[in-house]
Each structure stands twice: as structure tokens, then as C-alpha cells.
Amino acid sequence: MSKLSNEKNNAVMGHRLMAIRIASGLTQAEFAEKLDLSLRAYANYERGEREMPTVLFRSLCESFRIDPLWQLTGPGEAPVHVGRRVLDLNLMEGVITLIEEWLAKHRRTLKPDKKARVIRLAYEHCIAKGEVDAAHLRDMLSIAA
């Protein structure tokens, strides 16, 4: 641990790291893989047992749009994102297609505002997973529609 770090700060940053992972809907193993870390190293950071290296802050920002200042100092428990990212149009198309097919198959409809919200939530989940998560989307739709 560096002289600038302490156990309390590491625990707080580890808690924020866990909040990002949970908001992304990923397991520790999946999240560690996305960050190119071993599960053991990731778990140590999440538990606050090790000081997070600068490269991890960069990876969180690039992969999950997490504001590094929030990761360091807060405020709040919910992850804070930075800037706008470019849409993954292929992923968005896959999400919308799956949603439309599910609604047609089950003869259900959603009001436009609710459908937009479901598409947004589904896209955010799938962007974190790196692929269309059909099972998760079907579960979302069975609740929403």
C-alpha cells in the first residue's frame, strides 16, 4: 500500500467498484475478465484489500464510462458515468429485433415510453455484457409486458 492510501480509502473504492459491477449485471469473474484482471486480483480490489492501480481507473473509464473522480472521491453510491459514448449500432439492432420479435410472438405491446425504457435498459445491460443477452432480455420483457 502506498503512503497516500489507507485501508479505509481502499474499502470505500472497493465498495464503489462492487457498485459498478452490480450495476453492470456481471459476476466478479465476468467483470474481472472485462477489466483484463485475474479473479483473485479483482476480488482483492473489491474487498479493499489492495490499492487500485491507475490502469484500473483507466479501464473502468474506457470500458464502463465510469468517472474516475467519482471512483476516487464520490459522492454517492451509484456509479457516475462520463461523456457520451458511441452507440454500438449492431448491438442496438440486435436488442430491438429481439424485443420486437418477443412482443409479436407473445402478442403483447408496450406504450412507446415504456418500450423506450426497456430498450435503453436492455441495451445498457448488453453493452456491459458485450453481447445480446437473450435470456436476460426475455426475463425483462416477461416482467415489463
C-alpha atoms as a PDB file:
ATOM      1  CA  MET A   1       0.000   0.000   0.000  1.00  0.00           C
ATOM      2  CA  SER A   2       1.377   3.424  -0.899  1.00  0.00           C
ATOM      3  CA  LYS A   3       1.833   6.166   1.659  1.00  0.00           C
ATOM      4  CA  LEU A   4      -1.049   8.040   0.026  1.00  0.00           C
ATOM      5  CA  SER A   5      -3.519   5.208   0.526  1.00  0.00           C
ATOM      6  CA  ASN A   6      -5.096   3.685   3.602  1.00  0.00           C
ATOM      7  CA  GLU A   7      -7.396   0.783   4.432  1.00  0.00           C
ATOM      8  CA  LYS A   8     -10.487   2.985   4.741  1.00  0.00           C
ATOM      9  CA  ASN A   9      -9.986   4.564   1.299  1.00  0.00           C
ATOM     10  CA  ASN A  10      -9.322   1.167  -0.273  1.00  0.00           C
ATOM     11  CA  ALA A  11     -12.533  -0.194   1.294  1.00  0.00           C
ATOM     12  CA  VAL A  12     -14.580   2.762   0.007  1.00  0.00           C
ATOM     13  CA  MET A  13     -13.155   2.415  -3.517  1.00  0.00           C
ATOM     14  CA  GLY A  14     -13.729  -1.343  -3.358  1.00  0.00           C
ATOM     15  CA  HIS A  15     -17.362  -0.714  -2.435  1.00  0.00           C
ATOM     16  CA  ARG A  16     -17.688   1.633  -5.435  1.00  0.00           C
ATOM     17  CA  LEU A  17     -16.062  -0.996  -7.642  1.00  0.00           C
ATOM     18  CA  MET A  18     -18.665  -3.513  -6.466  1.00  0.00           C
ATOM     19  CA  ALA A  19     -21.448  -0.975  -7.206  1.00  0.00           C
ATOM     20  CA  ILE A  20     -20.185  -0.655 -10.791  1.00  0.00           C
ATOM     21  CA  ARG A  21     -20.065  -4.426 -11.195  1.00  0.00           C
ATOM     22  CA  ILE A  22     -23.550  -4.926  -9.777  1.00  0.00           C
ATOM     23  CA  ALA A  23     -24.983  -2.101 -11.916  1.00  0.00           C
ATOM     24  CA  SER A  24     -23.420  -3.845 -14.922  1.00  0.00           C
ATOM     25  CA  GLY A  25     -25.124  -7.125 -14.006  1.00  0.00           C
ATOM     26  CA  LEU A  26     -21.853  -9.056 -14.076  1.00  0.00           C
ATOM     27  CA  THR A  27     -20.340 -11.640 -11.771  1.00  0.00           C
ATOM     28  CA  GLN A  28     -16.932 -10.998 -10.259  1.00  0.00           C
ATOM     29  CA  ALA A  29     -15.384 -13.379 -12.796  1.00  0.00           C
ATOM     30  CA  GLU A  30     -17.104 -11.690 -15.766  1.00  0.00           C
ATOM     31  CA  PHE A  31     -16.208  -8.217 -14.525  1.00  0.00           C
ATOM     32  CA  ALA A  32     -12.583  -9.213 -13.883  1.00  0.00           C
ATOM     33  CA  GLU A  33     -12.365 -10.619 -17.408  1.00  0.00           C
ATOM     34  CA  LYS A  34     -13.738  -7.385 -18.915  1.00  0.00           C
ATOM     35  CA  LEU A  35     -11.058  -5.482 -16.988  1.00  0.00           C
ATOM     36  CA  ASP A  36      -8.354  -7.989 -18.033  1.00  0.00           C
ATOM     37  CA  LEU A  37      -7.684  -8.950 -14.406  1.00  0.00           C
ATOM     38  CA  SER A  38      -7.457 -12.280 -12.669  1.00  0.00           C
ATOM     39  CA  LEU A  39     -10.428 -13.068 -10.448  1.00  0.00           C
ATOM     40  CA  ARG A  40      -8.142 -13.084  -7.412  1.00  0.00           C
ATOM     41  CA  ALA A  41      -6.724  -9.619  -8.152  1.00  0.00           C
ATOM     42  CA  TYR A  42     -10.192  -8.215  -8.845  1.00  0.00           C
ATOM     43  CA  ALA A  43     -11.621  -9.699  -5.629  1.00  0.00           C
ATOM     44  CA  ASN A  44      -8.766  -8.118  -3.642  1.00  0.00           C
ATOM     45  CA  TYR A  45      -9.607  -4.687  -5.082  1.00  0.00           C
ATOM     46  CA  GLU A  46     -13.343  -5.130  -4.468  1.00  0.00           C
ATOM     47  CA  ARG A  47     -12.743  -6.161  -0.845  1.00  0.00           C
ATOM     48  CA  GLY A  48     -10.454  -3.155  -0.404  1.00  0.00           C
ATOM     49  CA  GLU A  49      -7.504  -5.366   0.459  1.00  0.00           C
ATOM     50  CA  ARG A  50      -5.313  -3.845  -2.254  1.00  0.00           C
ATOM     51  CA  GLU A  51      -4.855  -0.344  -3.596  1.00  0.00           C
ATOM     52  CA  MET A  52      -6.341   0.069  -7.076  1.00  0.00           C
ATOM     53  CA  PRO A  53      -3.722   0.890  -9.730  1.00  0.00           C
ATOM     54  CA  THR A  54      -4.138   3.807 -12.149  1.00  0.00           C
ATOM     55  CA  VAL A  55      -4.567   1.438 -15.073  1.00  0.00           C
ATOM     56  CA  LEU A  56      -7.721   0.060 -13.426  1.00  0.00           C
ATOM     57  CA  PHE A  57      -9.254   3.547 -13.255  1.00  0.00           C
ATOM     58  CA  ARG A  58      -8.488   3.999 -16.953  1.00  0.00           C
ATOM     59  CA  SER A  59     -10.027   0.635 -17.802  1.00  0.00           C
ATOM     60  CA  LEU A  60     -13.202   1.448 -15.813  1.00  0.00           C
ATOM     61  CA  CYS A  61     -13.497   4.729 -17.682  1.00  0.00           C
ATOM     62  CA  GLU A  62     -12.879   3.229 -21.123  1.00  0.00           C
ATOM     63  CA  SER A  63     -14.947   0.058 -20.691  1.00  0.00           C
ATOM     64  CA  PHE A  64     -17.781   1.238 -18.446  1.00  0.00           C
ATOM     65  CA  ARG A  65     -17.649   5.071 -18.803  1.00  0.00           C
ATOM     66  CA  ILE A  66     -17.046   5.454 -15.053  1.00  0.00           C
ATOM     67  CA  ASP A  67     -15.922   8.887 -13.932  1.00  0.00           C
ATOM     68  CA  PRO A  68     -12.512   8.322 -12.290  1.00  0.00           C
ATOM     69  CA  LEU A  69     -13.096  11.242  -9.926  1.00  0.00           C
ATOM     70  CA  TRP A  70     -16.287   9.581  -8.658  1.00  0.00           C
ATOM     71  CA  GLN A  71     -14.398   6.312  -8.216  1.00  0.00           C
ATOM     72  CA  LEU A  72     -11.813   8.106  -6.093  1.00  0.00           C
ATOM     73  CA  THR A  73     -13.928  10.506  -4.057  1.00  0.00           C
ATOM     74  CA  GLY A  74     -17.655  10.008  -4.707  1.00  0.00           C
ATOM     75  CA  PRO A  75     -20.135  11.418  -3.906  1.00  0.00           C
ATOM     76  CA  GLY A  76     -22.920   8.889  -3.620  1.00  0.00           C
ATOM     77  CA  GLU A  77     -23.136   5.153  -4.024  1.00  0.00           C
ATOM     78  CA  ALA A  78     -24.470   4.963  -7.588  1.00  0.00           C
ATOM     79  CA  PRO A  79     -21.822   4.902 -10.332  1.00  0.00           C
ATOM     80  CA  VAL A  80     -21.324   8.207 -12.153  1.00  0.00           C
ATOM     81  CA  HIS A  81     -20.644   7.977 -15.876  1.00  0.00           C
ATOM     82  CA  VAL A  82     -18.725  10.385 -18.081  1.00  0.00           C
ATOM     83  CA  GLY A  83     -19.441  11.801 -21.504  1.00  0.00           C
ATOM     84  CA  ARG A  84     -21.307  10.265 -24.327  1.00  0.00           C
ATOM     85  CA  ARG A  85     -20.240   7.070 -25.908  1.00  0.00           C
ATOM     86  CA  VAL A  86     -20.690   5.985 -29.481  1.00  0.00           C
ATOM     87  CA  LEU A  87     -23.596   3.593 -29.875  1.00  0.00           C
ATOM     88  CA  ASP A  88     -22.844   0.035 -30.865  1.00  0.00           C
ATOM     89  CA  LEU A  89     -25.403   0.007 -33.687  1.00  0.00           C
ATOM     90  CA  ASN A  90     -25.167  -3.747 -34.282  1.00  0.00           C
ATOM     91  CA  LEU A  91     -25.832  -4.425 -30.612  1.00  0.00           C
ATOM     92  CA  MET A  92     -28.693  -1.899 -30.556  1.00  0.00           C
ATOM     93  CA  GLU A  93     -30.219  -3.519 -33.654  1.00  0.00           C
ATOM     94  CA  GLY A  94     -29.968  -6.951 -32.027  1.00  0.00           C
ATOM     95  CA  VAL A  95     -31.646  -5.707 -28.850  1.00  0.00           C
ATOM     96  CA  ILE A  96     -34.501  -4.013 -30.706  1.00  0.00           C
ATOM     97  CA  THR A  97     -35.020  -7.014 -33.001  1.00  0.00           C
ATOM     98  CA  LEU A  98     -35.169  -9.417 -30.064  1.00  0.00           C
ATOM     99  CA  ILE A  99     -37.639  -7.167 -28.222  1.00  0.00           C
ATOM    100  CA  GLU A 100     -39.901  -6.723 -31.268  1.00  0.00           C
ATOM    101  CA  GLU A 101     -39.870 -10.466 -32.024  1.00  0.00           C
ATOM    102  CA  TRP A 102     -40.689 -11.333 -28.409  1.00  0.00           C
ATOM    103  CA  LEU A 103     -43.577  -8.849 -28.295  1.00  0.00           C
ATOM    104  CA  ALA A 104     -45.004 -10.156 -31.596  1.00  0.00           C
ATOM    105  CA  LYS A 105     -44.638 -13.814 -30.565  1.00  0.00           C
ATOM    106  CA  HIS A 106     -46.402 -13.206 -27.257  1.00  0.00           C
ATOM    107  CA  ARG A 107     -48.966 -10.796 -28.772  1.00  0.00           C
ATOM    108  CA  ARG A 108     -48.075  -8.070 -26.311  1.00  0.00           C
ATOM    109  CA  THR A 109     -47.488  -4.366 -26.683  1.00  0.00           C
ATOM    110  CA  LEU A 110     -45.758  -1.665 -24.705  1.00  0.00           C
ATOM    111  CA  LYS A 111     -46.550   2.021 -24.622  1.00  0.00           C
ATOM    112  CA  PRO A 112     -43.856   3.984 -26.502  1.00  0.00           C
ATOM    113  CA  ASP A 113     -42.303   5.474 -23.354  1.00  0.00           C
ATOM    114  CA  LYS A 114     -42.165   2.088 -21.630  1.00  0.00           C
ATOM    115  CA  LYS A 115     -40.784   0.398 -24.747  1.00  0.00           C
ATOM    116  CA  ALA A 116     -38.071   3.064 -24.995  1.00  0.00           C
ATOM    117  CA  ARG A 117     -37.160   2.496 -21.346  1.00  0.00           C
ATOM    118  CA  VAL A 118     -36.985  -1.297 -21.844  1.00  0.00           C
ATOM    119  CA  ILE A 119     -34.808  -0.847 -24.946  1.00  0.00           C
ATOM    120  CA  ARG A 120     -32.495   1.502 -23.058  1.00  0.00           C
ATOM    121  CA  LEU A 121     -32.161  -0.810 -20.044  1.00  0.00           C
ATOM    122  CA  ALA A 122     -31.669  -3.844 -22.275  1.00  0.00           C
ATOM    123  CA  TYR A 123     -29.023  -2.034 -24.331  1.00  0.00           C
ATOM    124  CA  GLU A 124     -27.148  -0.850 -21.215  1.00  0.00           C
ATOM    125  CA  HIS A 125     -27.150  -4.397 -19.845  1.00  0.00           C
ATOM    126  CA  CYS A 126     -25.977  -5.874 -23.150  1.00  0.00           C
ATOM    127  CA  ILE A 127     -23.256  -3.252 -23.635  1.00  0.00           C
ATOM    128  CA  ALA A 128     -21.875  -4.223 -20.216  1.00  0.00           C
ATOM    129  CA  LYS A 129     -22.020  -7.916 -21.163  1.00  0.00           C
ATOM    130  CA  GLY A 130     -20.514  -7.212 -24.592  1.00  0.00           C
ATOM    131  CA  GLU A 131     -23.244  -9.131 -26.405  1.00  0.00           C
ATOM    132  CA  VAL A 132     -27.006  -9.516 -26.713  1.00  0.00           C
ATOM    133  CA  ASP A 133     -28.081 -11.393 -23.587  1.00  0.00           C
ATOM    134  CA  ALA A 134     -31.248 -13.006 -24.941  1.00  0.00           C
ATOM    135  CA  ALA A 135     -32.176 -14.815 -21.720  1.00  0.00           C
ATOM    136  CA  HIS A 136     -31.940 -11.625 -19.663  1.00  0.00           C
ATOM    137  CA  LEU A 137     -33.944  -9.668 -22.251  1.00  0.00           C
ATOM    138  CA  ARG A 138     -36.689 -12.306 -22.286  1.00  0.00           C
ATOM    139  CA  ASP A 139     -36.854 -12.128 -18.489  1.00  0.00           C
ATOM    140  CA  MET A 140     -37.086  -8.329 -18.641  1.00  0.00           C
ATOM    141  CA  LEU A 141     -39.876  -8.496 -21.198  1.00  0.00           C
ATOM    142  CA  SER A 142     -41.877 -11.080 -19.282  1.00  0.00           C
ATOM    143  CA  ILE A 143     -41.929  -8.603 -16.387  1.00  0.00           C
ATOM    144  CA  ALA A 144     -42.427  -5.403 -18.392  1.00  0.00           C
ATOM    145  CA  ALA A 145     -45.048  -6.522 -20.944  1.00  0.00           C
END
